[in-house]
Amino acid sequence: DGILFINIPVYDSILFKYQRLLRRKTKKQQSIDQDETHINYWNFNEIKNILSSNNFSVTEKYYGYNPFPFVGILSKNLLTKLSSMTIFNNFGNSLTIVANKI
């Protein structure tokens, strides 16, 4: 009887791929550079499988730019401004998942 909230970076986002290309980094190097505790880089299907195997069911998912989207919108940097937008709630740099215990 519990609810689990997960928020993870999406290293397959367009912005992160662009940054890796510019900086000549691997996905693993980029994740560790962003936060040294980011030793894995999960995608939604992998998280969903882990949750399912631990008796959780995904009830919601949301892709966004960051927890504070107004930062991107107010930015003078065009790349940051563009990356603050999502298309049909997809392609953001951040994934929030809500899951319930089954």
N, C-alpha and C. Protein backbone atom coordinates (compact mmCIF):
# COMPACT_ATOMS: atom_id res chain seq x y z
N ASP A 1 0.84 -1.19 0.00
CA ASP A 1 0.00 0.00 0.00
C ASP A 1 0.88 1.24 0.00
N GLY A 2 1.47 1.57 -1.10
CA GLY A 2 2.31 2.75 -1.15
C GLY A 2 2.36 3.35 -2.54
N ILE A 3 2.81 4.57 -2.60
CA ILE A 3 3.01 5.27 -3.87
C ILE A 3 4.48 5.63 -3.96
N LEU A 4 5.06 5.41 -5.13
CA LEU A 4 6.47 5.69 -5.35
C LEU A 4 6.59 6.76 -6.44
N PHE A 5 7.37 7.80 -6.17
CA PHE A 5 7.66 8.84 -7.15
C PHE A 5 9.12 8.74 -7.53
N ILE A 6 9.38 8.70 -8.83
CA ILE A 6 10.75 8.60 -9.33
C ILE A 6 10.96 9.72 -10.34
N ASN A 7 12.08 10.40 -10.24
CA ASN A 7 12.44 11.43 -11.21
C ASN A 7 13.87 11.15 -11.66
N ILE A 8 14.02 10.90 -12.97
CA ILE A 8 15.34 10.55 -13.50
C ILE A 8 15.67 11.41 -14.72
N PRO A 9 16.96 11.64 -14.96
CA PRO A 9 17.34 12.33 -16.20
C PRO A 9 17.15 11.38 -17.39
N VAL A 10 16.86 11.95 -18.54
CA VAL A 10 16.67 11.17 -19.77
C VAL A 10 17.88 11.43 -20.66
N TYR A 11 18.87 10.56 -20.58
CA TYR A 11 20.10 10.78 -21.33
C TYR A 11 19.94 10.52 -22.83
N ASP A 12 18.78 10.02 -23.25
CA ASP A 12 18.49 9.87 -24.67
C ASP A 12 17.75 11.08 -25.24
N SER A 13 17.61 12.13 -24.46
CA SER A 13 16.94 13.34 -24.96
C SER A 13 17.81 14.02 -26.02
N ILE A 14 17.19 14.82 -26.83
CA ILE A 14 17.90 15.51 -27.91
C ILE A 14 18.99 16.41 -27.34
N LEU A 15 18.69 17.15 -26.28
CA LEU A 15 19.68 18.06 -25.70
C LEU A 15 20.88 17.29 -25.15
N PHE A 16 20.64 16.21 -24.41
CA PHE A 16 21.76 15.44 -23.85
C PHE A 16 22.60 14.81 -24.96
N LYS A 17 21.96 14.33 -26.02
CA LYS A 17 22.72 13.77 -27.16
C LYS A 17 23.58 14.84 -27.81
N TYR A 18 23.02 16.03 -27.97
CA TYR A 18 23.76 17.16 -28.56
C TYR A 18 24.96 17.52 -27.68
N GLN A 19 24.74 17.59 -26.37
CA GLN A 19 25.83 17.91 -25.45
C GLN A 19 26.93 16.85 -25.50
N ARG A 20 26.55 15.57 -25.59
CA ARG A 20 27.56 14.50 -25.69
C ARG A 20 28.39 14.65 -26.96
N LEU A 21 27.72 14.98 -28.05
CA LEU A 21 28.42 15.16 -29.32
C LEU A 21 29.42 16.30 -29.22
N LEU A 22 28.98 17.44 -28.68
CA LEU A 22 29.87 18.60 -28.55
C LEU A 22 31.05 18.33 -27.63
N ARG A 23 30.80 17.65 -26.54
CA ARG A 23 31.83 17.43 -25.52
C ARG A 23 32.59 16.12 -25.71
N ARG A 24 32.19 15.36 -26.72
CA ARG A 24 32.82 14.07 -27.02
C ARG A 24 32.85 13.16 -25.79
N LYS A 25 31.68 12.98 -25.21
CA LYS A 25 31.52 12.16 -24.01
C LYS A 25 30.64 10.96 -24.34
N THR A 26 30.81 9.90 -23.58
CA THR A 26 29.89 8.77 -23.66
C THR A 26 28.70 9.07 -22.75
N LYS A 27 27.66 8.28 -22.88
CA LYS A 27 26.49 8.46 -22.02
C LYS A 27 26.88 8.27 -20.56
N LYS A 28 27.72 7.28 -20.29
CA LYS A 28 28.16 7.03 -18.92
C LYS A 28 28.98 8.20 -18.37
N GLN A 29 29.92 8.74 -19.18
CA GLN A 29 30.71 9.89 -18.73
C GLN A 29 29.79 11.08 -18.45
N GLN A 30 28.83 11.29 -19.32
CA GLN A 30 27.91 12.42 -19.14
C GLN A 30 27.09 12.27 -17.86
N SER A 31 26.61 11.06 -17.60
CA SER A 31 25.78 10.86 -16.41
C SER A 31 26.60 11.08 -15.13
N ILE A 32 27.84 10.60 -15.11
CA ILE A 32 28.69 10.78 -13.93
C ILE A 32 29.12 12.24 -13.79
N ASP A 33 29.38 12.92 -14.92
CA ASP A 33 29.72 14.35 -14.87
C ASP A 33 28.57 15.17 -14.29
N GLN A 34 27.35 14.79 -14.64
CA GLN A 34 26.19 15.54 -14.15
C GLN A 34 26.00 15.34 -12.65
N ASP A 35 26.17 14.10 -12.21
CA ASP A 35 26.03 13.78 -10.78
C ASP A 35 26.76 12.47 -10.56
N GLU A 36 27.77 12.47 -9.72
CA GLU A 36 28.60 11.27 -9.56
C GLU A 36 27.81 10.08 -9.02
N THR A 37 26.61 10.32 -8.48
CA THR A 37 25.78 9.20 -8.02
C THR A 37 24.98 8.59 -9.17
N HIS A 38 24.99 9.20 -10.35
CA HIS A 38 24.28 8.66 -11.52
C HIS A 38 25.16 7.62 -12.21
N ILE A 39 25.20 6.43 -11.63
CA ILE A 39 26.05 5.39 -12.19
C ILE A 39 25.32 4.55 -13.24
N ASN A 40 24.02 4.71 -13.33
CA ASN A 40 23.21 4.04 -14.35
C ASN A 40 22.40 5.08 -15.10
N TYR A 41 22.03 4.77 -16.32
CA TYR A 41 21.20 5.68 -17.10
C TYR A 41 20.04 4.87 -17.65
N TRP A 42 18.92 4.93 -16.94
CA TRP A 42 17.75 4.12 -17.23
C TRP A 42 16.86 4.79 -18.26
N ASN A 43 16.07 3.98 -18.94
CA ASN A 43 14.98 4.53 -19.75
C ASN A 43 13.66 4.05 -19.15
N PHE A 44 12.55 4.53 -19.70
CA PHE A 44 11.26 4.22 -19.11
C PHE A 44 10.98 2.71 -19.06
N ASN A 45 11.25 2.00 -20.15
CA ASN A 45 10.95 0.56 -20.18
C ASN A 45 11.75 -0.21 -19.13
N GLU A 46 13.00 0.18 -18.93
CA GLU A 46 13.82 -0.50 -17.91
C GLU A 46 13.26 -0.25 -16.51
N ILE A 47 12.90 0.99 -16.23
CA ILE A 47 12.31 1.33 -14.92
C ILE A 47 10.99 0.58 -14.74
N LYS A 48 10.17 0.56 -15.79
CA LYS A 48 8.87 -0.13 -15.73
C LYS A 48 9.06 -1.61 -15.41
N ASN A 49 10.05 -2.26 -16.03
CA ASN A 49 10.33 -3.67 -15.75
C ASN A 49 10.80 -3.90 -14.32
N ILE A 50 11.65 -3.01 -13.82
CA ILE A 50 12.13 -3.11 -12.43
C ILE A 50 10.96 -2.96 -11.47
N LEU A 51 10.11 -1.96 -11.75
CA LEU A 51 8.95 -1.74 -10.88
C LEU A 51 8.01 -2.95 -10.90
N SER A 52 7.76 -3.45 -12.09
CA SER A 52 6.85 -4.59 -12.25
C SER A 52 7.37 -5.82 -11.49
N SER A 53 8.67 -6.07 -11.58
CA SER A 53 9.24 -7.23 -10.89
C SER A 53 9.24 -7.06 -9.37
N ASN A 54 8.98 -5.83 -8.90
CA ASN A 54 8.89 -5.57 -7.46
C ASN A 54 7.46 -5.21 -7.04
N ASN A 55 6.50 -5.66 -7.84
CA ASN A 55 5.07 -5.51 -7.54
C ASN A 55 4.59 -4.06 -7.49
N PHE A 56 5.12 -3.23 -8.40
CA PHE A 56 4.62 -1.87 -8.57
C PHE A 56 4.03 -1.75 -9.97
N SER A 57 3.04 -0.91 -10.10
CA SER A 57 2.42 -0.64 -11.39
C SER A 57 2.53 0.86 -11.68
N VAL A 58 2.99 1.20 -12.87
CA VAL A 58 3.12 2.61 -13.24
C VAL A 58 1.72 3.20 -13.48
N THR A 59 1.43 4.30 -12.79
CA THR A 59 0.12 4.95 -12.97
C THR A 59 0.23 6.22 -13.80
N GLU A 60 1.40 6.87 -13.77
CA GLU A 60 1.60 8.10 -14.54
C GLU A 60 3.07 8.21 -14.93
N LYS A 61 3.29 8.89 -16.08
CA LYS A 61 4.66 9.27 -16.45
C LYS A 61 4.57 10.63 -17.13
N TYR A 62 5.62 11.42 -16.91
CA TYR A 62 5.65 12.77 -17.45
C TYR A 62 7.07 13.11 -17.86
N TYR A 63 7.24 13.52 -19.10
CA TYR A 63 8.53 14.00 -19.57
C TYR A 63 8.53 15.52 -19.50
N GLY A 64 9.57 16.08 -18.95
CA GLY A 64 9.68 17.53 -18.87
C GLY A 64 11.11 17.96 -19.05
N TYR A 65 11.31 19.26 -19.11
CA TYR A 65 12.67 19.77 -19.26
C TYR A 65 13.42 19.68 -17.94
N ASN A 66 12.83 20.21 -16.92
CA ASN A 66 13.45 20.16 -15.59
C ASN A 66 12.36 20.42 -14.55
N PRO A 67 12.65 20.26 -13.28
CA PRO A 67 11.64 20.51 -12.26
C PRO A 67 11.17 21.97 -12.20
N PHE A 68 11.94 22.88 -12.80
CA PHE A 68 11.60 24.29 -12.80
C PHE A 68 11.56 24.80 -14.24
N PRO A 69 10.52 24.47 -15.02
CA PRO A 69 10.52 24.79 -16.45
C PRO A 69 10.62 26.27 -16.77
N PHE A 70 10.21 27.14 -15.85
CA PHE A 70 10.30 28.58 -16.12
C PHE A 70 11.74 29.04 -16.30
N VAL A 71 12.70 28.30 -15.73
CA VAL A 71 14.11 28.65 -15.91
C VAL A 71 14.47 28.58 -17.38
N GLY A 72 14.04 27.52 -18.07
CA GLY A 72 14.30 27.38 -19.49
C GLY A 72 13.57 28.43 -20.31
N ILE A 73 12.33 28.69 -19.97
CA ILE A 73 11.52 29.65 -20.73
C ILE A 73 12.09 31.06 -20.61
N LEU A 74 12.58 31.41 -19.44
CA LEU A 74 13.11 32.76 -19.20
C LEU A 74 14.56 32.92 -19.65
N SER A 75 15.20 31.83 -20.01
CA SER A 75 16.61 31.87 -20.38
C SER A 75 16.83 32.67 -21.66
N LYS A 76 17.99 33.33 -21.74
CA LYS A 76 18.36 34.05 -22.96
C LYS A 76 19.09 33.13 -23.93
N ASN A 77 19.47 31.94 -23.45
CA ASN A 77 20.15 30.96 -24.29
C ASN A 77 19.10 30.22 -25.11
N LEU A 78 19.19 30.30 -26.43
CA LEU A 78 18.18 29.71 -27.32
C LEU A 78 18.07 28.20 -27.12
N LEU A 79 19.20 27.50 -26.98
CA LEU A 79 19.16 26.06 -26.81
C LEU A 79 18.44 25.68 -25.53
N THR A 80 18.72 26.41 -24.46
CA THR A 80 18.03 26.15 -23.19
C THR A 80 16.55 26.45 -23.32
N LYS A 81 16.22 27.55 -24.01
CA LYS A 81 14.82 27.93 -24.20
C LYS A 81 14.08 26.85 -24.99
N LEU A 82 14.68 26.37 -26.07
CA LEU A 82 14.03 25.34 -26.89
C LEU A 82 13.90 24.02 -26.14
N SER A 83 14.90 23.69 -25.34
CA SER A 83 14.87 22.42 -24.64
C SER A 83 13.89 22.43 -23.47
N SER A 84 13.35 23.61 -23.12
CA SER A 84 12.36 23.67 -22.05
C SER A 84 10.99 23.24 -22.55
N MET A 85 10.86 23.01 -23.85
CA MET A 85 9.58 22.62 -24.43
C MET A 85 9.56 21.11 -24.67
N THR A 86 8.40 20.53 -24.55
CA THR A 86 8.25 19.12 -24.88
C THR A 86 7.25 19.00 -26.01
N ILE A 87 7.29 17.89 -26.72
CA ILE A 87 6.38 17.63 -27.83
C ILE A 87 5.47 16.48 -27.41
N PHE A 88 4.20 16.76 -27.27
CA PHE A 88 3.23 15.74 -26.86
C PHE A 88 3.67 15.04 -25.58
N ASN A 89 4.24 15.83 -24.65
CA ASN A 89 4.68 15.31 -23.36
C ASN A 89 5.79 14.26 -23.51
N ASN A 90 6.61 14.39 -24.54
CA ASN A 90 7.73 13.49 -24.79
C ASN A 90 8.99 14.30 -25.07
N PHE A 91 10.10 13.66 -25.08
CA PHE A 91 11.40 14.22 -25.48
C PHE A 91 11.98 15.19 -24.46
N GLY A 92 11.50 15.22 -23.24
CA GLY A 92 12.09 16.09 -22.24
C GLY A 92 13.38 15.50 -21.69
N ASN A 93 14.07 16.27 -20.88
CA ASN A 93 15.32 15.82 -20.28
C ASN A 93 15.12 15.13 -18.94
N SER A 94 13.90 15.15 -18.46
CA SER A 94 13.59 14.60 -17.15
C SER A 94 12.34 13.73 -17.26
N LEU A 95 12.35 12.59 -16.59
CA LEU A 95 11.19 11.69 -16.59
C LEU A 95 10.74 11.50 -15.16
N THR A 96 9.47 11.79 -14.92
CA THR A 96 8.86 11.55 -13.61
C THR A 96 7.88 10.38 -13.75
N ILE A 97 8.00 9.43 -12.87
CA ILE A 97 7.15 8.24 -12.88
C ILE A 97 6.47 8.14 -11.52
N VAL A 98 5.18 7.85 -11.56
CA VAL A 98 4.41 7.58 -10.34
C VAL A 98 3.96 6.13 -10.43
N ALA A 99 4.21 5.36 -9.37
CA ALA A 99 3.85 3.95 -9.36
C ALA A 99 3.16 3.60 -8.04
N ASN A 100 2.25 2.64 -8.13
CA ASN A 100 1.55 2.15 -6.94
C ASN A 100 1.95 0.72 -6.67
N LYS A 101 1.99 0.37 -5.39
CA LYS A 101 2.24 -1.01 -4.98
C LYS A 101 1.01 -1.84 -5.32
N ILE A 102 1.23 -2.98 -5.95
CA ILE A 102 0.10 -3.85 -6.33
C ILE A 102 -0.26 -4.74 -5.16
